[in-house]
Amino acid sequence: MAEDPYLICTAEQMNEIGANRGDWNKHFMLIADVNMGAYGGTAEASKSYFGEPLCETIIAGDVNGDCKVDFTDIEILLVHWLEEN
């Protein structure tokens, strides 16, 4: 089951999705509790967006976490617009 590329059960797999833009339009299923704290530099379940530090201020609409709201954020939103589980 863990070999299926669409099933996520580790922090490493979750981080890999964020790092690969080509995966953003695919569907994944989380099948285990994943603590992303190691990627945010803490033991708690937190994660910096795509391996980069969090912005000083969180901006509503900044989907990809690059500290600005731009057409890339809109693109990500539109790729998933009206999707159903």
C-alpha atoms as a PDB file:
ATOM      1  CA  MET A   1       0.000   0.000   0.000  1.00  0.00           C
ATOM      2  CA  ALA A   2       2.793   2.482   0.858  1.00  0.00           C
ATOM      3  CA  GLU A   3       4.353   1.871  -2.583  1.00  0.00           C
ATOM      4  CA  ASP A   4       1.351   3.440  -4.345  1.00  0.00           C
ATOM      5  CA  PRO A   5       2.493   6.964  -5.354  1.00  0.00           C
ATOM      6  CA  TYR A   6      -0.925   8.440  -4.534  1.00  0.00           C
ATOM      7  CA  LEU A   7      -1.076   7.291  -0.903  1.00  0.00           C
ATOM      8  CA  ILE A   8       0.780   9.450   1.634  1.00  0.00           C
ATOM      9  CA  CYS A   9       1.909   7.970   4.941  1.00  0.00           C
ATOM     10  CA  THR A  10       5.213   9.723   5.774  1.00  0.00           C
ATOM     11  CA  ALA A  11       6.470  13.282   6.241  1.00  0.00           C
ATOM     12  CA  GLU A  12       9.024  12.691   3.488  1.00  0.00           C
ATOM     13  CA  GLN A  13       6.290  11.833   0.976  1.00  0.00           C
ATOM     14  CA  MET A  14       4.279  14.915   1.974  1.00  0.00           C
ATOM     15  CA  ASN A  15       7.328  17.164   1.620  1.00  0.00           C
ATOM     16  CA  GLU A  16       8.116  15.676  -1.799  1.00  0.00           C
ATOM     17  CA  ILE A  17       4.677  16.685  -3.105  1.00  0.00           C
ATOM     18  CA  GLY A  18       5.229  20.285  -2.051  1.00  0.00           C
ATOM     19  CA  ALA A  19       8.653  20.360  -3.683  1.00  0.00           C
ATOM     20  CA  ASN A  20       7.446  19.042  -7.066  1.00  0.00           C
ATOM     21  CA  ARG A  21       5.191  21.487  -8.890  1.00  0.00           C
ATOM     22  CA  GLY A  22       4.247  18.715 -11.332  1.00  0.00           C
ATOM     23  CA  ASP A  23       2.444  16.920  -8.489  1.00  0.00           C
ATOM     24  CA  TRP A  24       0.197  19.839  -7.521  1.00  0.00           C
ATOM     25  CA  ASN A  25      -2.584  18.825  -9.918  1.00  0.00           C
ATOM     26  CA  LYS A  26      -2.646  15.185  -8.786  1.00  0.00           C
ATOM     27  CA  HIS A  27      -4.795  13.575  -6.126  1.00  0.00           C
ATOM     28  CA  PHE A  28      -3.313  12.084  -2.976  1.00  0.00           C
ATOM     29  CA  MET A  29      -4.818  10.366   0.043  1.00  0.00           C
ATOM     30  CA  LEU A  30      -3.346  10.784   3.510  1.00  0.00           C
ATOM     31  CA  ILE A  31      -3.474   7.339   5.136  1.00  0.00           C
ATOM     32  CA  ALA A  32      -1.557   8.044   8.364  1.00  0.00           C
ATOM     33  CA  ASP A  33      -1.018  10.862  10.857  1.00  0.00           C
ATOM     34  CA  VAL A  34       2.011  12.794   9.602  1.00  0.00           C
ATOM     35  CA  ASN A  35       4.011  15.137  11.851  1.00  0.00           C
ATOM     36  CA  MET A  36       5.640  17.749   9.635  1.00  0.00           C
ATOM     37  CA  GLY A  37       7.410  19.410  12.588  1.00  0.00           C
ATOM     38  CA  ALA A  38      10.847  18.338  11.399  1.00  0.00           C
ATOM     39  CA  TYR A  39      10.407  20.470   8.279  1.00  0.00           C
ATOM     40  CA  GLY A  40       9.514  23.574  10.309  1.00  0.00           C
ATOM     41  CA  GLY A  41      12.395  23.127  12.740  1.00  0.00           C
ATOM     42  CA  THR A  42      10.154  22.056  15.635  1.00  0.00           C
ATOM     43  CA  ALA A  43       8.874  18.831  17.154  1.00  0.00           C
ATOM     44  CA  GLU A  44       5.288  20.047  16.741  1.00  0.00           C
ATOM     45  CA  ALA A  45       3.179  19.413  13.672  1.00  0.00           C
ATOM     46  CA  SER A  46       4.119  22.528  11.718  1.00  0.00           C
ATOM     47  CA  LYS A  47       5.637  22.993   8.303  1.00  0.00           C
ATOM     48  CA  SER A  48       7.249  25.805   6.375  1.00  0.00           C
ATOM     49  CA  TYR A  49       5.764  26.061   2.915  1.00  0.00           C
ATOM     50  CA  PHE A  50       7.788  23.982   0.435  1.00  0.00           C
ATOM     51  CA  GLY A  51      10.905  23.904   2.607  1.00  0.00           C
ATOM     52  CA  GLU A  52      11.301  27.690   2.837  1.00  0.00           C
ATOM     53  CA  PRO A  53      10.855  29.781   6.004  1.00  0.00           C
ATOM     54  CA  LEU A  54       7.373  31.063   6.721  1.00  0.00           C
ATOM     55  CA  CYS A  55       6.642  34.651   5.814  1.00  0.00           C
ATOM     56  CA  GLU A  56       6.823  37.196   8.612  1.00  0.00           C
ATOM     57  CA  THR A  57       3.109  37.845   8.067  1.00  0.00           C
ATOM     58  CA  ILE A  58       0.689  35.207   6.763  1.00  0.00           C
ATOM     59  CA  ILE A  59      -1.212  36.652   3.789  1.00  0.00           C
ATOM     60  CA  ALA A  60      -4.714  35.388   2.990  1.00  0.00           C
ATOM     61  CA  GLY A  61      -4.654  33.953  -0.523  1.00  0.00           C
ATOM     62  CA  ASP A  62      -0.941  33.080  -0.507  1.00  0.00           C
ATOM     63  CA  VAL A  63      -1.585  29.474  -1.484  1.00  0.00           C
ATOM     64  CA  ASN A  64       2.022  28.493  -2.244  1.00  0.00           C
ATOM     65  CA  GLY A  65       3.604  30.315   0.718  1.00  0.00           C
ATOM     66  CA  ASP A  66       5.951  32.617  -1.222  1.00  0.00           C
ATOM     67  CA  CYS A  67       4.890  35.670   0.842  1.00  0.00           C
ATOM     68  CA  LYS A  68       2.887  37.281  -1.963  1.00  0.00           C
ATOM     69  CA  VAL A  69      -0.472  36.783  -3.634  1.00  0.00           C
ATOM     70  CA  ASP A  70       0.003  36.527  -7.383  1.00  0.00           C
ATOM     71  CA  PHE A  71      -1.085  34.592 -10.470  1.00  0.00           C
ATOM     72  CA  THR A  72       0.709  31.441  -9.268  1.00  0.00           C
ATOM     73  CA  ASP A  73      -1.684  31.315  -6.297  1.00  0.00           C
ATOM     74  CA  ILE A  74      -4.647  31.803  -8.639  1.00  0.00           C
ATOM     75  CA  GLU A  75      -3.324  29.048 -10.920  1.00  0.00           C
ATOM     76  CA  ILE A  76      -3.151  26.579  -8.015  1.00  0.00           C
ATOM     77  CA  LEU A  77      -6.664  27.548  -6.949  1.00  0.00           C
ATOM     78  CA  LEU A  78      -8.071  27.204 -10.471  1.00  0.00           C
ATOM     79  CA  VAL A  79      -6.470  23.796 -11.022  1.00  0.00           C
ATOM     80  CA  HIS A  80      -8.556  22.549  -8.103  1.00  0.00           C
ATOM     81  CA  TRP A  81     -11.688  24.650  -8.687  1.00  0.00           C
ATOM     82  CA  LEU A  82     -14.890  22.622  -8.343  1.00  0.00           C
ATOM     83  CA  GLU A  83     -12.980  19.402  -7.676  1.00  0.00           C
ATOM     84  CA  GLU A  84     -14.804  16.769  -5.733  1.00  0.00           C
ATOM     85  CA  ASN A  85     -13.215  14.257  -3.387  1.00  0.00           C
END
